[in-house]
Protein backbone atom coordinates (compact mmCIF):
# COMPACT_ATOMS: atom_id res chain seq x y z
CA UNK A 1 181.82 227.07 168.87
CA UNK A 2 181.16 230.05 166.62
CA UNK A 3 184.47 231.67 167.62
CA UNK A 4 186.38 228.47 166.86
CA UNK A 5 184.71 228.19 163.46
CA UNK A 6 185.47 231.82 162.67
CA UNK A 7 189.13 231.35 163.63
CA UNK A 8 189.34 228.24 161.43
CA UNK A 9 187.85 230.09 158.46
CA UNK A 10 190.16 233.08 158.90
CA UNK A 11 193.24 230.88 159.35
CA UNK A 12 192.35 228.67 156.36
CA UNK A 13 191.71 231.70 154.15
CA UNK A 14 195.03 233.26 155.20
CA UNK A 15 196.93 230.03 154.57
CA UNK A 16 195.35 229.54 151.17
CA UNK A 17 196.12 233.17 150.24
CA UNK A 18 199.81 232.53 151.00
CA UNK A 19 200.00 229.25 149.10
CA UNK A 20 201.70 229.59 145.72
CA UNK A 21 199.71 228.58 142.65
CA UNK A 22 200.98 225.95 140.20
CA UNK A 23 201.61 228.71 137.66
CA UNK A 24 203.71 230.67 140.16
CA UNK A 25 205.71 227.59 141.16
CA UNK A 26 206.33 226.77 137.50
CA UNK A 27 207.55 230.30 136.76
CA UNK A 28 209.79 230.42 139.85
CA UNK A 29 211.46 227.13 138.89
CA UNK A 30 211.55 227.65 135.13
CA UNK A 31 214.90 226.93 133.48
CA UNK A 32 218.03 226.85 135.63
CA UNK A 33 216.98 227.69 139.21
CA UNK A 34 220.46 229.05 139.83
CA UNK A 35 220.04 231.73 137.17
CA UNK A 36 218.37 235.15 137.19
CA UNK A 37 214.69 235.47 136.42
CA UNK A 38 213.90 237.85 133.52
CA UNK A 39 212.88 241.38 134.55
CA UNK A 40 209.42 242.34 133.33
CA UNK A 41 209.01 245.49 131.24
CA UNK A 42 206.11 247.94 131.14
CA UNK A 43 206.47 248.09 127.35
CA UNK A 44 205.12 244.54 127.07
CA UNK A 45 201.32 244.54 127.50
CA UNK A 46 201.03 241.27 129.43
CA UNK A 47 204.04 242.02 131.63
CA UNK A 48 202.65 245.50 132.27
CA UNK A 49 199.45 243.97 133.65
CA UNK A 50 201.50 241.90 136.10
CA UNK A 51 203.35 245.03 137.21
CA UNK A 52 200.03 246.78 137.87
CA UNK A 53 198.54 243.93 139.93
CA UNK A 54 198.45 243.97 143.75
CA UNK A 55 200.68 241.34 145.35
CA UNK A 56 199.72 238.82 148.02
CA UNK A 57 201.72 237.67 151.02
CA UNK A 58 203.93 234.62 150.60
CA UNK A 59 204.76 231.72 152.92
CA UNK A 60 208.37 232.34 154.03
CA UNK A 61 208.82 228.62 154.85
CA UNK A 62 207.83 227.38 151.39
CA UNK A 63 210.93 226.02 149.61
CA UNK A 64 209.84 227.86 146.46
CA UNK A 65 210.05 231.16 148.33
CA UNK A 66 213.77 230.60 148.91
CA UNK A 67 214.24 229.89 145.20
CA UNK A 68 212.35 233.07 144.31
CA UNK A 69 214.46 235.12 146.72
CA UNK A 70 217.72 233.79 145.25
CA UNK A 71 216.67 234.29 141.63
CA UNK A 72 215.44 237.83 142.36
CA UNK A 73 218.86 238.70 143.75
CA UNK A 74 220.53 237.36 140.61
CA UNK A 75 218.11 239.40 138.49
CA UNK A 76 219.06 242.54 140.40
CA UNK A 77 222.78 241.78 140.12
CA UNK A 78 222.37 241.35 136.36
CA UNK A 79 221.52 245.06 136.02
CA UNK A 80 223.98 247.93 135.69
CA UNK A 81 222.59 250.30 138.30
CA UNK A 82 219.72 248.60 140.12
CA UNK A 83 219.52 249.14 143.87
CA UNK A 84 216.27 247.26 144.49
CA UNK A 85 213.78 244.87 142.95
CA UNK A 86 210.29 243.58 143.79
CA UNK A 87 208.77 240.18 142.97
CA UNK A 88 206.23 241.60 140.46
CA UNK A 89 209.23 242.71 138.40
CA UNK A 90 210.08 239.05 137.79
CA UNK A 91 206.46 238.08 137.15
CA UNK A 92 205.41 236.97 140.65
CA UNK A 93 202.76 239.03 142.42
CA UNK A 94 204.01 238.21 145.89
CA UNK A 95 205.41 240.38 148.66
CA UNK A 96 209.16 239.94 148.35
CA UNK A 97 211.73 242.66 147.74
CA UNK A 98 215.49 243.16 147.64
CA UNK A 99 217.05 246.45 148.73
CA UNK A 100 220.62 247.72 148.74
CA UNK A 101 221.33 248.97 152.25
CA UNK A 102 223.26 252.21 151.80
CA UNK A 103 222.65 252.80 155.51
CA UNK A 104 224.88 249.86 156.52
CA UNK A 105 228.63 249.20 156.28
CA UNK A 106 229.65 247.74 152.90
CA UNK A 107 226.17 248.59 151.54
CA UNK A 108 224.86 244.99 151.40
CA UNK A 109 221.89 243.69 149.41
CA UNK A 110 219.16 242.31 151.70
CA UNK A 111 215.84 240.57 151.08
CA UNK A 112 212.53 241.29 152.85
CA UNK A 113 209.48 239.02 152.91
CA UNK A 114 205.96 240.41 153.40
CA UNK A 115 207.29 243.91 154.17
CA UNK A 116 204.94 246.61 155.35
CA UNK A 117 205.56 250.24 156.21
CA UNK A 118 203.90 250.87 159.56
CA UNK A 119 204.87 254.55 159.83
CA UNK A 120 206.17 257.34 157.58
CA UNK A 121 207.56 260.71 158.57
CA UNK A 122 205.70 263.81 157.44
CA UNK A 123 209.06 265.27 156.47
CA UNK A 124 209.66 264.48 152.81
CA UNK A 125 212.43 264.93 150.29
CA UNK A 126 212.34 265.30 146.52
CA UNK A 127 214.80 263.19 144.58
CA UNK A 128 215.48 261.30 141.34
CA UNK A 129 214.19 257.79 140.64
CA UNK A 130 214.27 255.38 137.75
CA UNK A 131 212.85 251.87 137.37
CA UNK A 132 214.25 248.62 136.01
CA UNK A 133 210.85 247.85 134.48
CA UNK A 134 210.28 251.21 132.79
CA UNK A 135 212.85 251.88 130.05
CA UNK A 136 214.10 255.43 129.52
CA UNK A 137 211.99 256.90 132.34
CA UNK A 138 213.26 258.96 135.25
CA UNK A 139 211.90 261.86 137.22
CA UNK A 140 211.79 263.50 140.66
CA UNK A 141 209.52 262.09 143.37
CA UNK A 142 208.48 262.88 146.92
CA UNK A 143 209.33 260.30 149.58
CA UNK A 144 209.22 260.29 153.36
CA UNK A 145 212.65 260.77 154.93
CA UNK A 146 212.11 258.16 157.66
CA UNK A 147 209.99 254.99 157.76
CA UNK A 148 209.27 252.16 160.17
CA UNK A 149 209.32 248.75 158.55
CA UNK A 150 208.05 245.27 159.52
CA UNK A 151 208.94 242.07 157.65
CA UNK A 152 209.85 238.40 158.08
CA UNK A 153 212.85 236.34 156.97
CA UNK A 154 213.02 232.87 155.39
CA UNK A 155 212.76 231.30 158.84
CA UNK A 156 209.50 233.15 159.49
CA UNK A 157 211.07 235.38 162.14
CA UNK A 158 209.52 238.84 162.39
CA UNK A 159 211.68 241.99 162.33
CA UNK A 160 211.01 245.68 162.90
CA UNK A 161 213.36 248.55 162.14
CA UNK A 162 213.61 252.25 161.43
CA UNK A 163 215.14 253.25 158.08
CA UNK A 164 216.00 256.72 156.84
CA UNK A 165 217.59 258.61 153.98
CA UNK A 166 218.23 257.13 150.56
CA UNK A 167 217.63 253.56 151.74
CA UNK A 168 214.16 254.56 152.98
CA UNK A 169 213.45 255.89 149.49
CA UNK A 170 214.36 252.53 147.95
CA UNK A 171 212.07 250.70 150.39
CA UNK A 172 209.16 252.99 149.54
CA UNK A 173 209.76 252.51 145.82
CA UNK A 174 209.88 248.70 146.06
CA UNK A 175 206.86 248.43 148.35
CA UNK A 176 204.93 250.60 145.89
CA UNK A 177 205.58 247.83 143.36
CA UNK A 178 203.80 245.38 145.67
CA UNK A 179 200.68 247.52 145.36
CA UNK A 180 200.93 247.82 141.58
CA UNK A 181 202.13 251.42 141.78
CA UNK A 182 204.61 252.47 139.09
CA UNK A 183 206.50 255.75 139.19
CA UNK A 184 205.32 256.52 135.66
CA UNK A 185 201.77 256.68 137.06
CA UNK A 186 202.74 258.20 140.37
CA UNK A 187 204.13 261.43 138.96
CA UNK A 188 200.79 263.05 138.16
CA UNK A 189 199.51 262.46 141.69
CA UNK A 190 202.43 264.37 143.20
CA UNK A 191 202.42 267.43 140.96
CA UNK A 192 200.65 269.67 143.49
CA UNK A 193 202.30 268.32 146.66
CA UNK A 194 204.40 270.55 148.87
CA UNK A 195 207.60 269.34 150.47
CA UNK A 196 210.52 270.34 152.66
CA UNK A 197 213.86 270.03 150.90
CA UNK A 198 216.09 267.39 152.48
CA UNK A 199 219.25 266.02 150.90
CA UNK A 200 218.67 262.34 151.61
CA UNK A 201 220.24 260.90 148.48
CA UNK A 202 223.63 259.25 148.36
CA UNK A 203 223.90 259.66 144.60
CA UNK A 204 222.76 262.61 142.54
CA UNK A 205 221.83 260.67 139.42
CA UNK A 206 218.65 258.64 138.90
CA UNK A 207 219.02 255.05 139.95
CA UNK A 208 216.99 252.12 138.66
CA UNK A 209 214.87 250.06 141.00
């Protein structure tokens, strides 16, 4: 009896944590749902607080999740050089990201729901990064060369894959956003790190994410 009650409590808590709030649903569906959501900027105090907040998981089967995914893609496509975007960057603290897959033919954009990095290589590279939410900021950052990733799609199907090189860098950057980590704050923490040089970047200039 106790085990059944504990399972019910855990399951109910998990389900409630995934359920979108009225405010989130309103924001996701605001205006034309076939248009891009605005990209939040760190220069705005209220938007900055959203960018610094930790994101929760989202129900992949909720119809509003599909709308969020579509509008995030449009937001990314509206930029000049963006190669990735995370839900906090459009005001929703939920675990959804888009990443340009430079490791695949035709370099497609792909979405990832509730992504987690389950393993990172000790081998790191140092390369340039910018951010769509931080105007006029770019610098060099350490990132693992290879990662293992788990996520689900809009049908709730679970996927696992190994990603390396520049695409792995984008994943790490976007998943940082889900934990409220901005590269403008990250730089100081990496100043004394050591690394092994690896040329894992497809482009030499700083790209926004």
